C-alpha atoms as a PDB file:
ATOM      1  CA  MET A   1       0.000   0.000   0.000  1.00  0.00           C
ATOM      2  CA  LYS A   2       2.852   2.355   0.865  1.00  0.00           C
ATOM      3  CA  ASN A   3       4.569   1.642  -2.472  1.00  0.00           C
ATOM      4  CA  ILE A   4       1.359   2.327  -4.405  1.00  0.00           C
ATOM      5  CA  ARG A   5       0.990   5.660  -2.617  1.00  0.00           C
ATOM      6  CA  ILE A   6       4.590   6.641  -3.469  1.00  0.00           C
ATOM      7  CA  PHE A   7       4.043   5.599  -7.107  1.00  0.00           C
ATOM      8  CA  LEU A   8       0.944   7.787  -7.313  1.00  0.00           C
ATOM      9  CA  ILE A   9       2.720  10.739  -5.693  1.00  0.00           C
ATOM     10  CA  PHE A  10       5.647  10.640  -8.136  1.00  0.00           C
ATOM     11  CA  PHE A  11       3.373  10.021 -11.108  1.00  0.00           C
ATOM     12  CA  SER A  12       1.302  13.057 -10.105  1.00  0.00           C
ATOM     13  CA  LEU A  13       4.486  15.111  -9.673  1.00  0.00           C
ATOM     14  CA  LEU A  14       5.657  13.981 -13.120  1.00  0.00           C
ATOM     15  CA  ILE A  15       2.398  15.164 -14.702  1.00  0.00           C
ATOM     16  CA  LEU A  16       2.553  18.473 -12.815  1.00  0.00           C
ATOM     17  CA  ILE A  17       6.199  19.216 -13.656  1.00  0.00           C
ATOM     18  CA  SER A  18       5.547  18.210 -17.294  1.00  0.00           C
ATOM     19  CA  LEU A  19       2.737  20.751 -17.604  1.00  0.00           C
ATOM     20  CA  VAL A  20       4.853  23.464 -15.963  1.00  0.00           C
ATOM     21  CA  SER A  21       7.844  22.706 -18.223  1.00  0.00           C
ATOM     22  CA  LEU A  22       5.787  23.497 -21.328  1.00  0.00           C
ATOM     23  CA  PHE A  23       5.704  27.147 -20.260  1.00  0.00           C
ATOM     24  CA  VAL A  24       9.335  27.523 -19.132  1.00  0.00           C
ATOM     25  CA  GLY A  25      11.960  28.868 -21.517  1.00  0.00           C
ATOM     26  CA  ILE A  26      13.704  31.883 -22.972  1.00  0.00           C
ATOM     27  CA  SER A  27      10.912  32.860 -25.360  1.00  0.00           C
ATOM     28  CA  LEU A  28       7.318  33.572 -24.376  1.00  0.00           C
ATOM     29  CA  PRO A  29       5.054  30.550 -24.825  1.00  0.00           C
ATOM     30  CA  SER A  30       2.828  30.443 -27.885  1.00  0.00           C
ATOM     31  CA  LEU A  31       0.877  27.555 -29.365  1.00  0.00           C
ATOM     32  CA  SER A  32       3.492  26.902 -32.059  1.00  0.00           C
ATOM     33  CA  ILE A  33       6.413  27.048 -29.602  1.00  0.00           C
ATOM     34  CA  VAL A  34       4.661  24.711 -27.164  1.00  0.00           C
ATOM     35  CA  THR A  35       3.587  22.143 -29.767  1.00  0.00           C
ATOM     36  CA  GLN A  36       6.621  22.237 -32.084  1.00  0.00           C
ATOM     37  CA  LEU A  37       9.482  22.784 -29.620  1.00  0.00           C
ATOM     38  CA  ARG A  38       8.602  22.190 -25.982  1.00  0.00           C
ATOM     39  CA  LEU A  39       6.221  19.251 -26.281  1.00  0.00           C
ATOM     40  CA  PRO A  40       8.690  17.147 -28.341  1.00  0.00           C
ATOM     41  CA  ARG A  41      11.529  17.818 -25.879  1.00  0.00           C
ATOM     42  CA  LEU A  42       9.208  16.965 -22.973  1.00  0.00           C
ATOM     43  CA  VAL A  43       8.417  13.629 -24.625  1.00  0.00           C
ATOM     44  CA  LEU A  44      12.146  13.020 -25.198  1.00  0.00           C
ATOM     45  CA  ALA A  45      12.944  13.876 -21.566  1.00  0.00           C
ATOM     46  CA  ILE A  46      10.340  11.419 -20.261  1.00  0.00           C
ATOM     47  CA  PHE A  47      11.567   8.750 -22.697  1.00  0.00           C
ATOM     48  CA  ALA A  48      15.266   9.173 -21.866  1.00  0.00           C
ATOM     49  CA  GLY A  49      14.807   9.603 -18.108  1.00  0.00           C
ATOM     50  CA  ALA A  50      12.606   6.515 -17.779  1.00  0.00           C
ATOM     51  CA  ALA A  51      14.926   4.409 -19.948  1.00  0.00           C
ATOM     52  CA  LEU A  52      18.100   5.428 -18.097  1.00  0.00           C
ATOM     53  CA  GLY A  53      16.407   4.831 -14.741  1.00  0.00           C
ATOM     54  CA  VAL A  54      15.461   1.282 -15.731  1.00  0.00           C
ATOM     55  CA  VAL A  55      18.940   0.469 -17.048  1.00  0.00           C
ATOM     56  CA  GLY A  56      20.643   2.012 -14.016  1.00  0.00           C
ATOM     57  CA  SER A  57      18.676  -0.146 -11.573  1.00  0.00           C
ATOM     58  CA  ALA A  58      19.253  -3.271 -13.691  1.00  0.00           C
ATOM     59  CA  PHE A  59      23.007  -2.674 -14.073  1.00  0.00           C
ATOM     60  CA  GLN A  60      23.481  -1.982 -10.377  1.00  0.00           C
ATOM     61  CA  GLY A  61      21.651  -5.260  -9.799  1.00  0.00           C
ATOM     62  CA  ILE A  62      23.702  -7.499 -12.093  1.00  0.00           C
ATOM     63  CA  LEU A  63      27.026  -5.841 -11.228  1.00  0.00           C
ATOM     64  CA  ARG A  64      26.133  -5.584  -7.514  1.00  0.00           C
ATOM     65  CA  ASN A  65      27.884  -2.229  -7.543  1.00  0.00           C
ATOM     66  CA  PRO A  66      26.127   0.919  -6.237  1.00  0.00           C
ATOM     67  CA  LEU A  67      28.386   3.117  -8.396  1.00  0.00           C
ATOM     68  CA  ALA A  68      27.430   1.379 -11.645  1.00  0.00           C
ATOM     69  CA  ASP A  69      25.997   3.694 -14.282  1.00  0.00           C
ATOM     70  CA  PRO A  70      24.518   2.847 -17.707  1.00  0.00           C
ATOM     71  CA  TYR A  71      27.393   4.714 -19.345  1.00  0.00           C
ATOM     72  CA  ILE A  72      30.106   2.896 -17.418  1.00  0.00           C
ATOM     73  CA  ILE A  73      30.166   0.052 -19.943  1.00  0.00           C
ATOM     74  CA  GLY A  74      31.232   2.393 -22.757  1.00  0.00           C
ATOM     75  CA  VAL A  75      28.081   2.213 -24.878  1.00  0.00           C
ATOM     76  CA  SER A  76      27.467   5.955 -24.715  1.00  0.00           C
ATOM     77  CA  GLY A  77      31.031   6.588 -25.876  1.00  0.00           C
ATOM     78  CA  GLY A  78      30.501   4.297 -28.851  1.00  0.00           C
ATOM     79  CA  ALA A  79      27.197   5.968 -29.704  1.00  0.00           C
ATOM     80  CA  CYS A  80      28.780   9.432 -29.452  1.00  0.00           C
ATOM     81  CA  LEU A  81      31.614   8.291 -31.723  1.00  0.00           C
ATOM     82  CA  GLY A  82      29.131   7.021 -34.313  1.00  0.00           C
ATOM     83  CA  GLY A  83      27.201  10.287 -34.126  1.00  0.00           C
ATOM     84  CA  THR A  84      30.400  12.304 -34.430  1.00  0.00           C
ATOM     85  CA  VAL A  85      31.433  10.385 -37.555  1.00  0.00           C
ATOM     86  CA  SER A  86      28.002  11.170 -38.995  1.00  0.00           C
ATOM     87  CA  ILE A  87      28.404  14.901 -38.252  1.00  0.00           C
ATOM     88  CA  VAL A  88      31.975  15.228 -39.554  1.00  0.00           C
ATOM     89  CA  PHE A  89      31.349  13.387 -42.826  1.00  0.00           C
ATOM     90  CA  GLY A  90      27.839  14.745 -43.381  1.00  0.00           C
ATOM     91  CA  LEU A  91      26.130  11.361 -43.204  1.00  0.00           C
ATOM     92  CA  GLN A  92      22.431  11.206 -42.302  1.00  0.00           C
ATOM     93  CA  PRO A  93      20.521  10.341 -40.258  1.00  0.00           C
ATOM     94  CA  ILE A  94      22.779  10.764 -37.247  1.00  0.00           C
ATOM     95  CA  GLN A  95      20.618   8.418 -35.142  1.00  0.00           C
ATOM     96  CA  ILE A  96      21.468   5.412 -37.326  1.00  0.00           C
ATOM     97  CA  PHE A  97      25.217   5.999 -37.025  1.00  0.00           C
ATOM     98  CA  ALA A  98      25.016   6.649 -33.280  1.00  0.00           C
ATOM     99  CA  PHE A  99      23.121   3.405 -32.724  1.00  0.00           C
ATOM    100  CA  ALA A 100      25.558   1.516 -34.967  1.00  0.00           C
ATOM    101  CA  GLY A 101      28.428   2.822 -32.816  1.00  0.00           C
ATOM    102  CA  ALA A 102      26.602   1.588 -29.716  1.00  0.00           C
ATOM    103  CA  LEU A 103      26.054  -1.895 -31.195  1.00  0.00           C
ATOM    104  CA  ILE A 104      29.724  -2.226 -32.182  1.00  0.00           C
ATOM    105  CA  THR A 105      30.758  -1.217 -28.658  1.00  0.00           C
ATOM    106  CA  ILE A 106      28.371  -3.785 -27.125  1.00  0.00           C
ATOM    107  CA  PHE A 107      29.956  -6.518 -29.264  1.00  0.00           C
ATOM    108  CA  VAL A 108      33.541  -5.501 -28.414  1.00  0.00           C
ATOM    109  CA  VAL A 109      32.910  -5.101 -24.666  1.00  0.00           C
ATOM    110  CA  GLU A 110      31.151  -8.461 -24.427  1.00  0.00           C
ATOM    111  CA  LYS A 111      33.986 -10.234 -26.262  1.00  0.00           C
ATOM    112  CA  LEU A 112      36.636  -8.617 -24.049  1.00  0.00           C
ATOM    113  CA  ALA A 113      34.686  -9.385 -20.855  1.00  0.00           C
ATOM    114  CA  THR A 114      34.041 -13.051 -21.672  1.00  0.00           C
ATOM    115  CA  ILE A 115      36.644 -15.233 -19.959  1.00  0.00           C
ATOM    116  CA  SER A 116      36.398 -19.038 -20.234  1.00  0.00           C
ATOM    117  CA  GLY A 117      32.818 -18.723 -21.431  1.00  0.00           C
ATOM    118  CA  ARG A 118      31.763 -16.524 -18.495  1.00  0.00           C
ATOM    119  CA  LEU A 119      30.891 -12.835 -18.561  1.00  0.00           C
ATOM    120  CA  GLU A 120      33.037 -11.525 -15.694  1.00  0.00           C
ATOM    121  CA  ARG A 121      31.642  -8.401 -14.051  1.00  0.00           C
ATOM    122  CA  GLU A 122      35.099  -6.956 -13.206  1.00  0.00           C
ATOM    123  CA  ALA A 123      36.223  -7.522 -16.801  1.00  0.00           C
ATOM    124  CA  LEU A 124      32.952  -6.004 -18.012  1.00  0.00           C
ATOM    125  CA  LEU A 125      33.561  -2.814 -16.046  1.00  0.00           C
ATOM    126  CA  LEU A 126      37.207  -2.541 -17.139  1.00  0.00           C
ATOM    127  CA  SER A 127      36.390  -3.300 -20.786  1.00  0.00           C
ATOM    128  CA  GLY A 128      33.639  -0.687 -20.714  1.00  0.00           C
ATOM    129  CA  VAL A 129      35.953   1.949 -19.263  1.00  0.00           C
ATOM    130  CA  VAL A 130      38.678   1.167 -21.834  1.00  0.00           C
ATOM    131  CA  CYS A 131      36.285   1.216 -24.812  1.00  0.00           C
ATOM    132  CA  GLY A 132      34.603   4.374 -23.520  1.00  0.00           C
ATOM    133  CA  THR A 133      37.958   6.104 -23.095  1.00  0.00           C
ATOM    134  CA  LEU A 134      39.085   5.094 -26.590  1.00  0.00           C
ATOM    135  CA  ALA A 135      35.804   6.310 -28.087  1.00  0.00           C
ATOM    136  CA  SER A 136      36.066   9.620 -26.198  1.00  0.00           C
ATOM    137  CA  SER A 137      39.615  10.117 -27.498  1.00  0.00           C
ATOM    138  CA  LEU A 138      38.477   9.567 -31.079  1.00  0.00           C
ATOM    139  CA  VAL A 139      35.564  11.967 -30.535  1.00  0.00           C
ATOM    140  CA  MET A 140      38.040  14.616 -29.337  1.00  0.00           C
ATOM    141  CA  LEU A 141      40.129  13.996 -32.450  1.00  0.00           C
ATOM    142  CA  PHE A 142      37.091  14.537 -34.675  1.00  0.00           C
ATOM    143  CA  MET A 143      36.145  17.642 -32.678  1.00  0.00           C
ATOM    144  CA  THR A 144      39.599  19.051 -33.426  1.00  0.00           C
ATOM    145  CA  ILE A 145      39.196  18.573 -37.172  1.00  0.00           C
ATOM    146  CA  GLY A 146      35.421  19.124 -37.273  1.00  0.00           C
ATOM    147  CA  GLY A 147      35.519  22.895 -37.691  1.00  0.00           C
ATOM    148  CA  ARG A 148      32.019  24.304 -38.019  1.00  0.00           C
ATOM    149  CA  SER A 149      30.442  21.082 -36.707  1.00  0.00           C
ATOM    150  CA  LEU A 150      31.844  21.667 -33.212  1.00  0.00           C
ATOM    151  CA  ASP A 151      28.552  22.897 -31.716  1.00  0.00           C
ATOM    152  CA  GLU A 152      26.667  19.815 -32.891  1.00  0.00           C
ATOM    153  CA  MET A 153      29.298  17.535 -31.357  1.00  0.00           C
ATOM    154  CA  ILE A 154      29.195  19.370 -28.022  1.00  0.00           C
ATOM    155  CA  TYR A 155      25.418  18.968 -27.847  1.00  0.00           C
ATOM    156  CA  LEU A 156      25.798  15.268 -28.676  1.00  0.00           C
ATOM    157  CA  LEU A 157      28.363  14.799 -25.895  1.00  0.00           C
ATOM    158  CA  MET A 158      26.453  16.798 -23.267  1.00  0.00           C
ATOM    159  CA  GLY A 159      22.903  15.717 -24.065  1.00  0.00           C
ATOM    160  CA  TRP A 160      20.430  17.791 -26.025  1.00  0.00           C
ATOM    161  CA  LEU A 161      16.641  17.499 -26.081  1.00  0.00           C
ATOM    162  CA  GLY A 162      15.892  20.487 -28.331  1.00  0.00           C
ATOM    163  CA  VAL A 163      15.184  18.520 -31.490  1.00  0.00           C
ATOM    164  CA  ILE A 164      12.765  19.762 -34.142  1.00  0.00           C
ATOM    165  CA  TRP A 165      10.995  16.642 -35.329  1.00  0.00           C
ATOM    166  CA  ASP A 166      10.322  15.890 -38.951  1.00  0.00           C
ATOM    167  CA  LYS A 167       8.634  12.770 -40.304  1.00  0.00           C
ATOM    168  CA  THR A 168      11.871  10.743 -40.320  1.00  0.00           C
ATOM    169  CA  LEU A 169      12.768  11.639 -36.735  1.00  0.00           C
ATOM    170  CA  LEU A 170       9.221  10.928 -35.554  1.00  0.00           C
ATOM    171  CA  ILE A 171       9.248   7.465 -37.114  1.00  0.00           C
ATOM    172  CA  GLY A 172      12.703   6.836 -35.619  1.00  0.00           C
ATOM    173  CA  PHE A 173      11.470   7.897 -32.191  1.00  0.00           C
ATOM    174  CA  ILE A 174       8.393   5.652 -32.362  1.00  0.00           C
ATOM    175  CA  ILE A 175      10.565   2.667 -33.305  1.00  0.00           C
ATOM    176  CA  SER A 176      13.124   3.496 -30.588  1.00  0.00           C
ATOM    177  CA  ALA A 177      10.441   3.971 -27.923  1.00  0.00           C
ATOM    178  CA  THR A 178       8.831   0.652 -28.863  1.00  0.00           C
ATOM    179  CA  VAL A 179      12.144  -1.225 -28.649  1.00  0.00           C
ATOM    180  CA  VAL A 180      12.987   0.458 -25.326  1.00  0.00           C
ATOM    181  CA  ALA A 181       9.558  -0.408 -23.891  1.00  0.00           C
ATOM    182  CA  VAL A 182       9.857  -4.077 -24.903  1.00  0.00           C
ATOM    183  CA  ALA A 183      13.459  -4.352 -23.629  1.00  0.00           C
ATOM    184  CA  SER A 184      12.515  -2.679 -20.334  1.00  0.00           C
ATOM    185  CA  PHE A 185       9.593  -5.074 -19.893  1.00  0.00           C
ATOM    186  CA  ILE A 186      11.862  -8.082 -20.474  1.00  0.00           C
ATOM    187  CA  ILE A 187      14.308  -6.717 -17.880  1.00  0.00           C
ATOM    188  CA  TRP A 188      11.407  -6.290 -15.441  1.00  0.00           C
ATOM    189  CA  LEU A 189      10.436  -9.935 -16.024  1.00  0.00           C
ATOM    190  CA  ARG A 190      13.885 -10.852 -14.660  1.00  0.00           C
ATOM    191  CA  SER A 191      13.224  -8.968 -11.400  1.00  0.00           C
ATOM    192  CA  GLU A 192      12.943 -12.107  -9.270  1.00  0.00           C
ATOM    193  CA  GLU A 193      16.251 -13.436 -10.611  1.00  0.00           C
ATOM    194  CA  LEU A 194      17.911 -10.061  -9.957  1.00  0.00           C
ATOM    195  CA  ASN A 195      16.615 -10.222  -6.375  1.00  0.00           C
ATOM    196  CA  ILE A 196      18.153 -13.675  -5.938  1.00  0.00           C
ATOM    197  CA  LEU A 197      21.431 -12.541  -7.549  1.00  0.00           C
ATOM    198  CA  SER A 198      21.756  -9.865  -4.856  1.00  0.00           C
ATOM    199  CA  LEU A 199      22.490 -12.734  -2.422  1.00  0.00           C
ATOM    200  CA  GLY A 200      25.624 -13.594  -4.435  1.00  0.00           C
ATOM    201  CA  GLU A 201      26.395 -15.581  -7.581  1.00  0.00           C
ATOM    202  CA  GLU A 202      27.065 -18.894  -5.807  1.00  0.00           C
ATOM    203  CA  GLU A 203      23.798 -18.694  -3.871  1.00  0.00           C
ATOM    204  CA  ALA A 204      21.893 -17.759  -7.026  1.00  0.00           C
ATOM    205  CA  ILE A 205      23.377 -20.702  -8.944  1.00  0.00           C
ATOM    206  CA  SER A 206      22.537 -23.104  -6.102  1.00  0.00           C
ATOM    207  CA  ILE A 207      18.904 -21.908  -6.180  1.00  0.00           C
ATOM    208  CA  GLY A 208      18.741 -22.555  -9.922  1.00  0.00           C
ATOM    209  CA  VAL A 209      19.327 -19.162 -11.539  1.00  0.00           C
ATOM    210  CA  ASP A 210      21.261 -19.256 -14.818  1.00  0.00           C
ATOM    211  CA  VAL A 211      23.543 -16.386 -13.804  1.00  0.00           C
ATOM    212  CA  GLU A 212      25.513 -16.220 -17.069  1.00  0.00           C
ATOM    213  CA  ARG A 213      22.366 -16.046 -19.178  1.00  0.00           C
ATOM    214  CA  LEU A 214      20.906 -13.415 -16.845  1.00  0.00           C
ATOM    215  CA  LYS A 215      24.036 -11.222 -16.977  1.00  0.00           C
ATOM    216  CA  ARG A 216      24.281 -11.414 -20.762  1.00  0.00           C
ATOM    217  CA  GLU A 217      20.588 -10.780 -21.281  1.00  0.00           C
ATOM    218  CA  VAL A 218      20.435  -7.747 -18.991  1.00  0.00           C
ATOM    219  CA  PHE A 219      23.745  -6.371 -20.323  1.00  0.00           C
ATOM    220  CA  ILE A 220      22.707  -6.623 -23.977  1.00  0.00           C
ATOM    221  CA  LEU A 221      19.164  -5.320 -23.425  1.00  0.00           C
ATOM    222  CA  GLY A 222      20.416  -2.471 -21.232  1.00  0.00           C
ATOM    223  CA  SER A 223      23.111  -1.565 -23.731  1.00  0.00           C
ATOM    224  CA  VAL A 224      20.616  -1.485 -26.601  1.00  0.00           C
ATOM    225  CA  ILE A 225      18.402   0.854 -24.536  1.00  0.00           C
ATOM    226  CA  VAL A 226      21.339   3.164 -23.772  1.00  0.00           C
ATOM    227  CA  GLY A 227      22.407   3.153 -27.416  1.00  0.00           C
ATOM    228  CA  LEU A 228      18.922   4.190 -28.540  1.00  0.00           C
ATOM    229  CA  VAL A 229      18.727   6.935 -25.898  1.00  0.00           C
ATOM    230  CA  VAL A 230      22.113   8.381 -26.893  1.00  0.00           C
ATOM    231  CA  SER A 231      21.223   8.206 -30.583  1.00  0.00           C
ATOM    232  CA  MET A 232      18.099  10.294 -29.905  1.00  0.00           C
ATOM    233  CA  CYS A 233      19.245  12.655 -27.118  1.00  0.00           C
ATOM    234  CA  GLY A 234      23.036  12.495 -26.823  1.00  0.00           C
ATOM    235  CA  ALA A 235      24.898  11.384 -23.704  1.00  0.00           C
ATOM    236  CA  ILE A 236      23.027  12.411 -20.538  1.00  0.00           C
ATOM    237  CA  GLY A 237      25.128  11.406 -17.552  1.00  0.00           C
ATOM    238  CA  PHE A 238      24.358  10.488 -13.932  1.00  0.00           C
ATOM    239  CA  ILE A 239      20.592   9.917 -14.278  1.00  0.00           C
ATOM    240  CA  GLY A 240      21.202   6.171 -14.276  1.00  0.00           C
ATOM    241  CA  LEU A 241      23.455   6.524 -11.224  1.00  0.00           C
ATOM    242  CA  MET A 242      21.231   8.720  -9.052  1.00  0.00           C
ATOM    243  CA  VAL A 243      17.765   7.398  -9.839  1.00  0.00           C
ATOM    244  CA  PRO A 244      18.124   3.799  -8.537  1.00  0.00           C
ATOM    245  CA  HIS A 245      19.460   5.066  -5.189  1.00  0.00           C
ATOM    246  CA  ILE A 246      16.608   7.549  -4.770  1.00  0.00           C
ATOM    247  CA  THR A 247      14.035   4.925  -5.763  1.00  0.00           C
ATOM    248  CA  ARG A 248      15.596   2.275  -3.518  1.00  0.00           C
ATOM    249  CA  LEU A 249      15.387   4.697  -0.606  1.00  0.00           C
ATOM    250  CA  LEU A 250      11.672   5.273  -1.307  1.00  0.00           C
ATOM    251  CA  LEU A 251      10.515   1.802  -2.377  1.00  0.00           C
ATOM    252  CA  GLY A 252      13.124  -0.661  -1.127  1.00  0.00           C
ATOM    253  CA  PRO A 253      15.474  -3.025  -3.003  1.00  0.00           C
ATOM    254  CA  ASP A 254      12.869  -5.357  -4.556  1.00  0.00           C
ATOM    255  CA  HIS A 255      13.459  -5.102  -8.321  1.00  0.00           C
ATOM    256  CA  ARG A 256       9.777  -5.834  -9.010  1.00  0.00           C
ATOM    257  CA  VAL A 257       8.976  -2.321  -7.767  1.00  0.00           C
ATOM    258  CA  LEU A 258      12.457  -0.791  -8.105  1.00  0.00           C
ATOM    259  CA  ILE A 259      12.557  -1.038 -11.908  1.00  0.00           C
ATOM    260  CA  PRO A 260       9.165   0.586 -12.694  1.00  0.00           C
ATOM    261  CA  GLY A 261       9.736   3.060  -9.860  1.00  0.00           C
ATOM    262  CA  SER A 262      13.089   4.031 -11.375  1.00  0.00           C
ATOM    263  CA  ALA A 263      11.350   4.705 -14.695  1.00  0.00           C
ATOM    264  CA  ILE A 264       8.979   7.215 -13.080  1.00  0.00           C
ATOM    265  CA  VAL A 265      11.647   8.872 -10.903  1.00  0.00           C
ATOM    266  CA  GLY A 266      14.070   9.021 -13.859  1.00  0.00           C
ATOM    267  CA  ALA A 267      11.490  10.704 -16.077  1.00  0.00           C
ATOM    268  CA  PHE A 268      10.675  13.176 -13.286  1.00  0.00           C
ATOM    269  CA  LEU A 269      14.330  14.097 -12.669  1.00  0.00           C
ATOM    270  CA  LEU A 270      15.168  14.583 -16.337  1.00  0.00           C
ATOM    271  CA  VAL A 271      12.081  16.725 -17.009  1.00  0.00           C
ATOM    272  CA  LEU A 272      13.032  18.821 -13.965  1.00  0.00           C
ATOM    273  CA  SER A 273      16.665  19.087 -15.158  1.00  0.00           C
ATOM    274  CA  ASP A 274      15.559  20.135 -18.638  1.00  0.00           C
ATOM    275  CA  MET A 275      13.304  22.787 -17.129  1.00  0.00           C
ATOM    276  CA  PHE A 276      16.301  24.177 -15.226  1.00  0.00           C
ATOM    277  CA  ALA A 277      18.442  24.043 -18.392  1.00  0.00           C
ATOM    278  CA  ARG A 278      15.883  26.176 -20.235  1.00  0.00           C
ATOM    279  CA  GLY A 279      15.024  28.547 -17.429  1.00  0.00           C
ATOM    280  CA  ILE A 280      18.203  29.568 -15.587  1.00  0.00           C
ATOM    281  CA  ALA A 281      20.392  30.901 -18.407  1.00  0.00           C
ATOM    282  CA  VAL A 282      20.178  33.445 -21.207  1.00  0.00           C
ATOM    283  CA  TYR A 283      20.971  30.617 -23.618  1.00  0.00           C
ATOM    284  CA  GLU A 284      19.593  27.113 -23.303  1.00  0.00           C
ATOM    285  CA  LEU A 285      22.120  24.765 -21.724  1.00  0.00           C
ATOM    286  CA  PRO A 286      22.587  21.125 -22.719  1.00  0.00           C
ATOM    287  CA  VAL A 287      20.591  19.112 -20.197  1.00  0.00           C
ATOM    288  CA  GLY A 288      23.669  16.979 -19.452  1.00  0.00           C
ATOM    289  CA  VAL A 289      25.291  20.035 -17.847  1.00  0.00           C
ATOM    290  CA  ILE A 290      22.507  20.187 -15.247  1.00  0.00           C
ATOM    291  CA  THR A 291      22.522  16.432 -14.541  1.00  0.00           C
ATOM    292  CA  SER A 292      26.312  16.533 -14.118  1.00  0.00           C
ATOM    293  CA  ILE A 293      26.117  19.467 -11.679  1.00  0.00           C
ATOM    294  CA  PHE A 294      23.846  17.381  -9.449  1.00  0.00           C
ATOM    295  CA  GLY A 295      25.383  14.010 -10.311  1.00  0.00           C
ATOM    296  CA  VAL A 296      29.043  14.632  -9.466  1.00  0.00           C
ATOM    297  CA  PRO A 297      28.393  15.573  -5.787  1.00  0.00           C
ATOM    298  CA  PHE A 298      26.025  12.597  -5.543  1.00  0.00           C
ATOM    299  CA  PHE A 299      28.742  10.284  -6.901  1.00  0.00           C
ATOM    300  CA  LEU A 300      31.302  11.667  -4.424  1.00  0.00           C
ATOM    301  CA  TYR A 301      28.818  11.152  -1.587  1.00  0.00           C
ATOM    302  CA  LEU A 302      28.342   7.498  -2.571  1.00  0.00           C
ATOM    303  CA  LEU A 303      32.113   7.071  -2.892  1.00  0.00           C
ATOM    304  CA  ARG A 304      32.773   8.439   0.587  1.00  0.00           C
ATOM    305  CA  ARG A 305      29.973   6.371   2.067  1.00  0.00           C
ATOM    306  CA  GLY A 306      31.707   3.303   0.657  1.00  0.00           C
END
C-alpha cells in the first residue's frame, strides 16, 4: 500500500512538472512554440529519463555495484563516436550511425569481458571503461578537425533534447520507444532473478538461476536501450546513477517495484533538469550540464559512504 501511494505521488508530480515545463523557456510561450518545440523535448525527456532509470537499476543489480551507471560500460562513448562520424562526414541520419556505434561497442565489450565462457563483471567494467575512453579520445580527435560542426558535437556529448521533429525523426522515435519499452519489460520480467542474484552468484546458482544467461541478457538489453537513448538525445550522464538510489530509498530493493519506480523517478528528474536548463540561463544549456552538476556531488557522496 505504501509503495502504491509513493508511485501515485511521483506520477502526479511527473504530470505536474511536465505541464509546468511546457511554459518555461527563454521565449514567451505560444501555441506553435509549445507544440513544435517544448512538447517534443518533454516527450524526449520522459523517454530518456525513464529508460536510463530502468537500465541504471538493472546494471546496479547485475554488477552488484552501487556506483554502476549505464554509461560505465562504454556504450554511450561508442554511440557518441558514431554520431560524431556522422556529423563530420555529413552522413544522415545521425541516429542510425550513433546506434551503430553503440552496437559495435556492445559486441567488443562483451567479447573482451568473456573469460572461459563466463561474462566476468570486473572484466565487463574494465572493458567498458577502456572502450569508452578510446571512443572519447576519437571523438576529441574529430572535434579538433570538425571545424564548423563543433557545436553539434558538443550537444551530442552533453545531451540535447531540443530537437525539431520531422517525419523521419518521428518514425525513428516511435521505433526506438517501442524497442525500449519491450526491452525494459523483459528486464522487469527478470526482477525475481535479480533479487536472488543480490544474495551472491554462488547462492543464485545453487537456487537454480542461470547467472551467465541473466548477466548477458540484462547487459545486452540495457546496452541497446542506452544506445537508442544516446542516438536520440546524446549522452546524458548520472541519471542512471542517481535514480536507482533515490528509488531504492523510497521503495526498497525489490526489483519488481524498483525497476518501474526508477522509470517514473528518472522521467521526473530529467524533465526537472531540462526545465532548469531552459530557465536559468540566457541561452539554453545542454541538459547533461545540469545532470552533471547534481550528479558529481552525488557520486562523491556514494564514494565516501563506501
